[in-house]
Protein backbone atom coordinates (compact mmCIF):
# COMPACT_ATOMS: atom_id res chain seq x y z
CA MET A 1 -83.51 137.46 133.72
CA ASN A 2 -83.23 135.24 130.81
CA GLN A 3 -84.80 131.97 131.06
CA SER A 4 -81.77 130.33 132.40
CA GLY A 5 -81.98 132.49 135.35
CA GLU A 6 -78.86 134.52 134.29
CA SER A 7 -78.91 138.20 135.01
CA LEU A 8 -77.80 141.05 132.69
CA ARG A 9 -74.88 141.79 134.83
CA ASP A 10 -74.06 138.02 134.89
CA ARG A 11 -73.99 137.94 130.88
CA LYS A 12 -71.78 140.77 130.74
CA LYS A 13 -69.20 139.43 133.29
CA ARG A 14 -68.98 135.97 131.14
CA ARG A 15 -68.73 137.97 127.59
CA THR A 16 -65.88 140.31 129.62
CA ARG A 17 -64.12 136.88 130.97
CA ALA A 18 -64.73 135.29 127.63
CA ALA A 19 -63.21 138.09 125.81
CA LEU A 20 -60.00 138.42 128.24
CA GLU A 21 -59.52 134.43 127.70
CA ARG A 22 -59.43 135.04 123.92
CA ALA A 23 -57.03 137.74 123.77
CA THR A 24 -54.80 136.07 125.96
CA LEU A 25 -55.07 132.75 123.64
CA ARG A 26 -55.11 134.63 120.63
CA LEU A 27 -51.64 136.83 121.36
CA SER A 28 -50.42 133.54 122.93
CA ALA A 29 -50.74 131.65 119.49
CA GLU A 30 -49.29 134.52 117.58
CA LYS A 31 -46.32 135.76 119.85
CA GLY A 32 -45.70 132.93 122.41
CA PHE A 33 -47.42 133.14 125.83
CA ASP A 34 -44.05 133.90 127.68
CA HIS A 35 -43.90 137.33 125.41
CA VAL A 36 -47.47 138.61 125.96
CA THR A 37 -48.06 141.02 128.74
CA VAL A 38 -51.04 141.70 130.91
CA GLU A 39 -51.38 145.44 129.28
CA GLU A 40 -51.36 143.89 125.97
CA ILE A 41 -54.18 141.49 127.15
CA ALA A 42 -56.39 144.17 128.53
CA ALA A 43 -55.50 146.11 125.41
CA GLU A 44 -56.69 143.67 123.20
CA ALA A 45 -59.81 143.01 124.95
CA ASP A 46 -60.67 146.71 125.07
CA VAL A 47 -60.65 146.68 128.97
CA SER A 48 -58.39 148.29 131.40
CA VAL A 49 -55.56 146.26 133.35
CA ARG A 50 -57.52 146.79 136.76
CA THR A 51 -60.62 144.93 134.56
CA PHE A 52 -58.13 142.07 134.13
CA PHE A 53 -56.95 141.87 137.56
CA ASN A 54 -60.81 141.79 138.56
CA TYR A 55 -61.02 138.41 136.87
CA PHE A 56 -57.92 136.79 136.94
CA ALA A 57 -55.11 136.94 139.30
CA SER A 58 -52.69 136.48 136.39
CA LYS A 59 -51.92 135.64 133.02
CA ASP A 60 -51.59 131.90 134.05
CA ASP A 61 -55.11 132.08 135.18
CA ALA A 62 -56.65 133.88 132.18
CA LEU A 63 -54.86 130.82 129.65
CA ILE A 64 -56.44 128.45 131.83
CA GLY A 65 -59.63 129.87 131.87
CA ALA A 66 -60.93 128.19 135.19
CA ASP A 67 -64.55 128.98 135.96
CA PRO A 68 -65.27 130.30 139.48
CA GLU A 69 -68.93 128.79 139.07
CA SER A 70 -68.04 125.32 138.06
CA GLY A 71 -68.07 124.21 141.65
CA PRO A 72 -71.21 124.88 142.26
CA ARG A 73 -72.49 124.29 139.00
CA ILE A 74 -71.24 120.79 139.02
CA ALA A 75 -72.51 119.95 142.78
CA GLY A 76 -75.85 121.19 141.70
CA ARG A 77 -75.89 118.67 139.14
CA VAL A 78 -74.61 115.69 141.47
CA LEU A 79 -77.66 116.61 143.47
CA ALA A 80 -80.15 116.95 140.44
CA VAL A 81 -79.23 113.62 138.80
CA ALA A 82 -82.28 111.64 138.91
CA ALA A 83 -80.89 108.13 139.88
CA GLY A 84 -77.60 106.22 139.98
CA THR A 85 -74.98 105.55 142.54
CA PRO A 86 -73.05 108.60 144.00
CA PHE A 87 -70.01 107.78 141.92
CA GLU A 88 -72.43 107.42 138.64
CA ALA A 89 -74.25 110.93 139.84
CA PHE A 90 -70.95 112.31 139.96
CA ARG A 91 -69.59 110.94 136.66
CA ALA A 92 -72.49 112.26 134.76
CA ALA A 93 -72.45 115.71 136.45
CA VAL A 94 -68.92 116.17 135.45
CA LEU A 95 -69.01 114.88 132.28
CA ALA A 96 -72.02 116.94 131.28
CA GLU A 97 -70.15 120.12 132.52
CA ILE A 98 -67.08 119.20 130.06
CA ASP A 99 -69.48 118.73 127.30
CA ASP A 100 -71.47 122.33 127.97
CA GLU A 101 -67.99 124.07 128.49
CA LEU A 102 -66.80 122.57 125.11
CA ASN A 103 -69.86 123.18 123.12
CA ASN A 104 -70.17 126.87 124.52
CA ALA A 105 -66.77 127.94 124.18
CA ARG A 106 -65.17 125.36 121.78
CA ASP A 107 -63.33 128.07 119.60
CA LEU A 108 -61.55 128.99 123.18
CA TRP A 109 -60.97 125.28 124.15
CA LEU A 110 -59.33 124.36 120.70
CA LEU A 111 -57.20 127.51 121.22
CA ARG A 112 -56.39 126.88 124.67
CA LYS A 113 -55.43 123.24 123.80
CA ASN A 114 -52.80 124.44 121.13
CA VAL A 115 -51.34 127.07 123.47
CA LEU A 116 -51.15 124.80 126.64
CA MET A 117 -48.59 122.67 124.83
CA GLN A 118 -46.20 126.00 125.10
CA ARG A 119 -46.78 125.49 128.52
CA PRO A 120 -46.82 122.04 130.04
CA ASP A 121 -45.94 123.07 133.71
CA LEU A 122 -49.57 124.68 133.11
CA LEU A 123 -51.51 121.77 131.72
CA VAL A 124 -51.95 120.10 135.25
CA ARG A 125 -53.74 123.41 136.18
CA ALA A 126 -56.20 123.16 133.33
CA PHE A 127 -59.57 122.18 134.54
CA ALA A 128 -58.32 121.52 137.88
CA SER A 129 -61.00 122.19 140.70
CA SER A 130 -59.79 124.63 143.58
CA ALA A 131 -59.70 123.57 147.10
CA GLU A 132 -63.21 125.30 147.62
CA ALA A 133 -64.69 123.66 144.40
CA GLU A 134 -63.75 120.18 145.78
CA GLN A 135 -64.93 121.15 149.20
CA LEU A 136 -68.55 121.74 147.46
CA LEU A 137 -68.53 118.73 145.57
CA SER A 138 -67.30 116.54 148.32
CA ALA A 139 -70.20 117.83 150.13
CA ALA A 140 -72.96 116.92 147.14
CA VAL A 141 -71.42 113.31 146.85
CA ALA A 142 -71.53 113.05 150.65
CA GLU A 143 -75.22 114.10 150.66
CA ARG A 144 -76.02 111.82 147.73
CA ALA A 145 -74.51 108.91 149.39
CA GLY A 146 -76.12 109.35 152.93
CA LEU A 147 -72.64 110.01 154.61
CA PRO A 148 -71.27 112.81 156.85
CA ALA A 149 -69.21 115.75 155.06
CA ASP A 150 -66.06 113.97 156.90
CA HIS A 151 -66.54 110.90 155.44
CA LEU A 152 -63.29 109.68 153.48
CA TYR A 153 -65.40 108.24 150.52
CA PRO A 154 -66.61 111.69 149.22
CA TRP A 155 -63.12 112.92 149.50
CA LEU A 156 -61.61 110.39 148.00
CA LEU A 157 -63.75 110.34 144.96
CA VAL A 158 -63.47 113.89 144.33
CA SER A 159 -59.46 114.02 144.81
CA ALA A 160 -59.07 110.85 142.35
CA ALA A 161 -61.32 112.78 139.67
CA THR A 162 -59.40 115.81 139.97
CA ALA A 163 -56.29 113.83 139.33
CA ALA A 164 -58.39 112.07 136.35
CA PHE A 165 -58.97 115.92 134.99
CA ARG A 166 -55.18 116.64 135.14
CA CYS A 167 -54.32 113.64 133.29
CA SER A 168 -57.08 113.54 130.83
CA VAL A 169 -56.50 117.50 129.74
CA SER A 170 -52.51 116.50 129.65
CA ARG A 171 -53.37 113.54 126.95
CA TRP A 172 -55.83 115.78 125.11
CA ALA A 173 -53.66 118.66 124.59
CA GLY A 174 -51.13 116.48 122.96
CA ASP A 175 -53.67 114.18 120.96
CA ASP A 176 -56.01 115.73 118.05
CA ASN A 177 -57.82 112.02 117.57
CA VAL A 178 -59.42 111.86 121.40
CA ALA A 179 -62.07 113.68 122.84
CA LEU A 180 -61.63 115.37 126.40
CA GLY A 181 -65.08 114.09 127.41
CA ASP A 182 -64.18 110.32 126.07
CA LEU A 183 -60.57 110.83 128.02
CA PHE A 184 -62.16 111.68 131.35
CA SER A 185 -64.77 109.02 131.04
CA GLU A 186 -62.24 106.39 130.62
CA ALA A 187 -60.60 107.84 133.30
CA LEU A 188 -63.54 107.57 135.73
CA ASP A 189 -64.24 104.05 134.47
CA LEU A 190 -60.84 103.06 135.56
CA ILE A 191 -61.14 104.45 139.06
CA GLY A 192 -64.59 103.05 139.27
CA ALA A 193 -63.01 99.58 138.54
CA GLY A 194 -60.31 100.04 140.37
CA LEU A 195 -56.57 100.47 140.10
CA ALA A 196 -55.29 97.20 141.71
CA HIS A 197 -54.83 95.44 138.16
CA ALA A 198 -53.95 97.29 134.70
CA PRO A 199 -56.41 96.91 132.08
CA HIS A 200 -55.88 95.18 128.84
CA HIS A 201 -54.66 97.50 126.11
CA HIS A 202 -57.15 97.49 122.95
CA GLU A 203 -55.63 99.09 119.62
CA GLY A 204 -57.21 101.92 118.14
CA GLY A 205 -58.89 103.21 121.47
CA PRO A 206 -58.12 105.92 123.81
CA SER A 207 -56.35 103.73 126.28
């Protein structure tokens, strides 16, 4: 294993997943997403169609590129943050995940951003947590807060943050002048401050 604890098999799977995502995005940018087939994606990535379906249930999923390991990874971050409230720990964990994803595969995310504009209906699924990931994150927040796993607070926080992700990705996809992390940070600040009153608008900012 390497220093990060990732095995050779894990690295190979990550490379294959990235190759399939890149093929989906490149072909979609060239031909239009609706005109690309799974067979073409697999051929572009030099793998079989069966291999494609080992990683993604559909080409929609390949376009979105949701990482099944992101839920456990963010949950681990929530518990590992040294100090702060449960909200602050959650905020730091998710922002670190966004930063890592964009730094590690920036070319993919920039291409994905452009292709997603062809399918606005898929924007809401980009970077959205699965039900299993939301359960893991809620459990981590509950543990951090010293609350029972079925308490409303952790579920509400994670659900609100998932909605904030969707809003942030939608805004980010249509605006080249803002960063996804900045938008999501602002969305979490709004959640943290409460939504009973609308914030004041400041010219020039991401609001």
